[in-house]
């Protein structure tokens, strides 16, 4: 069960200085924790949030290199997170891949949309491509 009204942030487990800093956003706490753990094991400096509102605040206050976000979240959607990310690469993970909402995310600048359930290898490959770009 997710406690509402409390901090919804999972801090980075480790932050290597050269690691790509990735913000993971989803209202499903288990999904965020699993993805943060996998990314951290792969050497990324991953931080999670299961609140779109908090993600927008984190993007305004901390440096990130990429964002992975769900689209459908209460109060503050993944589209709001996408807009708050400005020029950062944003990867969308959603149960609504191929929908008008996914098309809108791509039109607003999302780099790629992944369908849930997520095939981690596809996401990891895309992030590795981002990390390779100077």
Protein backbone atom coordinates (compact mmCIF):
# COMPACT_ATOMS: atom_id res chain seq x y z
CA UNK A 1 0.00 0.00 0.00
CA UNK A 2 1.28 3.46 -0.86
CA UNK A 3 1.08 6.07 1.87
CA UNK A 4 -0.45 9.27 0.51
CA UNK A 5 0.64 12.71 1.62
CA UNK A 6 4.17 11.67 2.53
CA UNK A 7 7.43 11.93 0.61
CA UNK A 8 7.29 9.68 -2.41
CA UNK A 9 10.94 9.68 -3.38
CA UNK A 10 13.45 6.86 -3.52
CA UNK A 11 16.98 8.25 -3.24
CA UNK A 12 19.82 7.05 -5.42
CA UNK A 13 21.48 3.93 -4.07
CA UNK A 14 24.82 5.04 -5.48
CA UNK A 15 25.85 7.82 -7.76
CA UNK A 16 28.99 7.25 -9.78
CA UNK A 17 30.24 10.59 -11.10
CA UNK A 18 30.12 9.46 -14.74
CA UNK A 19 26.79 7.61 -14.49
CA UNK A 20 23.75 8.80 -16.39
CA UNK A 21 21.34 10.34 -13.83
CA UNK A 22 17.87 8.93 -14.49
CA UNK A 23 14.61 9.97 -12.84
CA UNK A 24 12.02 7.15 -12.82
CA UNK A 25 8.38 8.23 -12.36
CA UNK A 26 5.34 5.99 -11.93
CA UNK A 27 2.44 5.88 -9.49
CA UNK A 28 3.11 2.14 -9.06
CA UNK A 29 5.63 2.03 -6.24
CA UNK A 30 6.71 -1.54 -7.03
CA UNK A 31 7.42 -0.65 -10.65
CA UNK A 32 9.53 2.34 -9.59
CA UNK A 33 11.52 0.35 -7.04
CA UNK A 34 12.16 -2.50 -9.49
CA UNK A 35 13.30 -0.18 -12.28
CA UNK A 36 15.49 1.92 -9.96
CA UNK A 37 17.14 -1.28 -8.69
CA UNK A 38 17.78 -2.63 -12.20
CA UNK A 39 19.16 0.69 -13.43
CA UNK A 40 21.39 1.01 -10.38
CA UNK A 41 22.74 -2.50 -10.93
CA UNK A 42 23.53 -1.47 -14.51
CA UNK A 43 25.56 1.51 -13.26
CA UNK A 44 23.03 4.32 -13.64
CA UNK A 45 22.41 6.87 -10.90
CA UNK A 46 18.68 6.22 -10.67
CA UNK A 47 16.23 8.06 -8.48
CA UNK A 48 12.56 7.21 -8.24
CA UNK A 49 9.37 9.10 -7.57
CA UNK A 50 5.83 7.73 -7.53
CA UNK A 51 4.23 11.14 -7.72
CA UNK A 52 4.13 13.30 -10.84
CA UNK A 53 3.99 16.38 -8.64
CA UNK A 54 7.17 15.41 -6.84
CA UNK A 55 8.88 14.52 -10.12
CA UNK A 56 8.19 18.02 -11.46
CA UNK A 57 9.71 19.48 -8.26
CA UNK A 58 12.75 17.18 -8.52
CA UNK A 59 13.31 18.21 -12.13
CA UNK A 60 13.32 21.85 -11.05
CA UNK A 61 15.82 21.29 -8.25
CA UNK A 62 18.17 18.43 -9.17
CA UNK A 63 20.27 17.65 -12.26
CA UNK A 64 19.13 14.67 -14.33
CA UNK A 65 20.27 13.38 -17.71
CA UNK A 66 17.10 11.45 -18.62
CA UNK A 67 13.58 10.71 -17.41
CA UNK A 68 11.57 7.50 -17.58
CA UNK A 69 7.89 8.17 -16.84
CA UNK A 70 4.47 6.58 -16.91
CA UNK A 71 1.74 8.64 -18.59
CA UNK A 72 -1.37 7.88 -16.54
CA UNK A 73 -0.89 9.11 -12.98
CA UNK A 74 -3.23 10.92 -10.60
CA UNK A 75 -3.09 14.73 -10.29
CA UNK A 76 0.09 15.31 -12.33
CA UNK A 77 0.38 13.22 -15.49
CA UNK A 78 3.40 11.96 -17.38
CA UNK A 79 2.72 14.69 -19.94
CA UNK A 80 3.24 17.26 -17.18
CA UNK A 81 6.50 15.52 -16.24
CA UNK A 82 7.52 15.52 -19.92
CA UNK A 83 6.92 19.27 -20.19
CA UNK A 84 8.84 19.91 -16.95
CA UNK A 85 11.82 17.94 -18.29
CA UNK A 86 12.43 20.66 -20.91
CA UNK A 87 15.33 19.48 -23.11
CA UNK A 88 16.04 16.21 -21.29
CA UNK A 89 15.42 12.96 -23.12
CA UNK A 90 12.17 11.43 -21.84
CA UNK A 91 11.25 7.79 -22.28
CA UNK A 92 7.63 6.85 -21.67
CA UNK A 93 6.52 3.50 -20.24
CA UNK A 94 2.76 3.05 -20.45
CA UNK A 95 -0.05 0.54 -20.68
CA UNK A 96 -1.47 2.81 -23.40
CA UNK A 97 1.26 2.47 -26.04
CA UNK A 98 -0.19 3.23 -29.45
CA UNK A 99 -2.93 5.42 -27.98
CA UNK A 100 -3.65 9.08 -28.69
CA UNK A 101 -1.99 9.84 -25.34
CA UNK A 102 1.22 8.13 -26.46
CA UNK A 103 1.10 10.01 -29.77
CA UNK A 104 0.71 13.25 -27.83
CA UNK A 105 3.74 12.39 -25.68
CA UNK A 106 5.81 11.82 -28.83
CA UNK A 107 4.54 15.11 -30.32
CA UNK A 108 5.62 16.89 -27.12
CA UNK A 109 9.14 15.48 -27.46
CA UNK A 110 9.26 12.06 -25.81
CA UNK A 111 12.11 10.07 -27.36
CA UNK A 112 10.36 6.72 -27.25
CA UNK A 113 7.25 4.99 -25.90
CA UNK A 114 7.54 1.52 -24.38
CA UNK A 115 4.54 -0.71 -23.70
CA UNK A 116 3.84 -2.24 -20.31
CA UNK A 117 4.81 -4.80 -19.29
CA UNK A 118 8.22 -3.34 -19.94
CA UNK A 119 10.95 -5.36 -21.63
CA UNK A 120 13.85 -3.96 -19.58
CA UNK A 121 16.44 -4.81 -22.25
CA UNK A 122 14.76 -2.42 -24.71
CA UNK A 123 14.76 0.43 -22.20
CA UNK A 124 18.35 -0.32 -21.15
CA UNK A 125 19.47 -0.29 -24.77
CA UNK A 126 17.86 3.09 -25.36
CA UNK A 127 19.44 4.54 -22.22
CA UNK A 128 22.83 3.14 -23.24
CA UNK A 129 22.43 4.99 -26.54
CA UNK A 130 21.75 8.21 -24.62
CA UNK A 131 24.80 7.66 -22.45
CA UNK A 132 26.98 7.21 -25.53
CA UNK A 133 26.03 10.64 -26.89
CA UNK A 134 28.47 13.29 -25.57
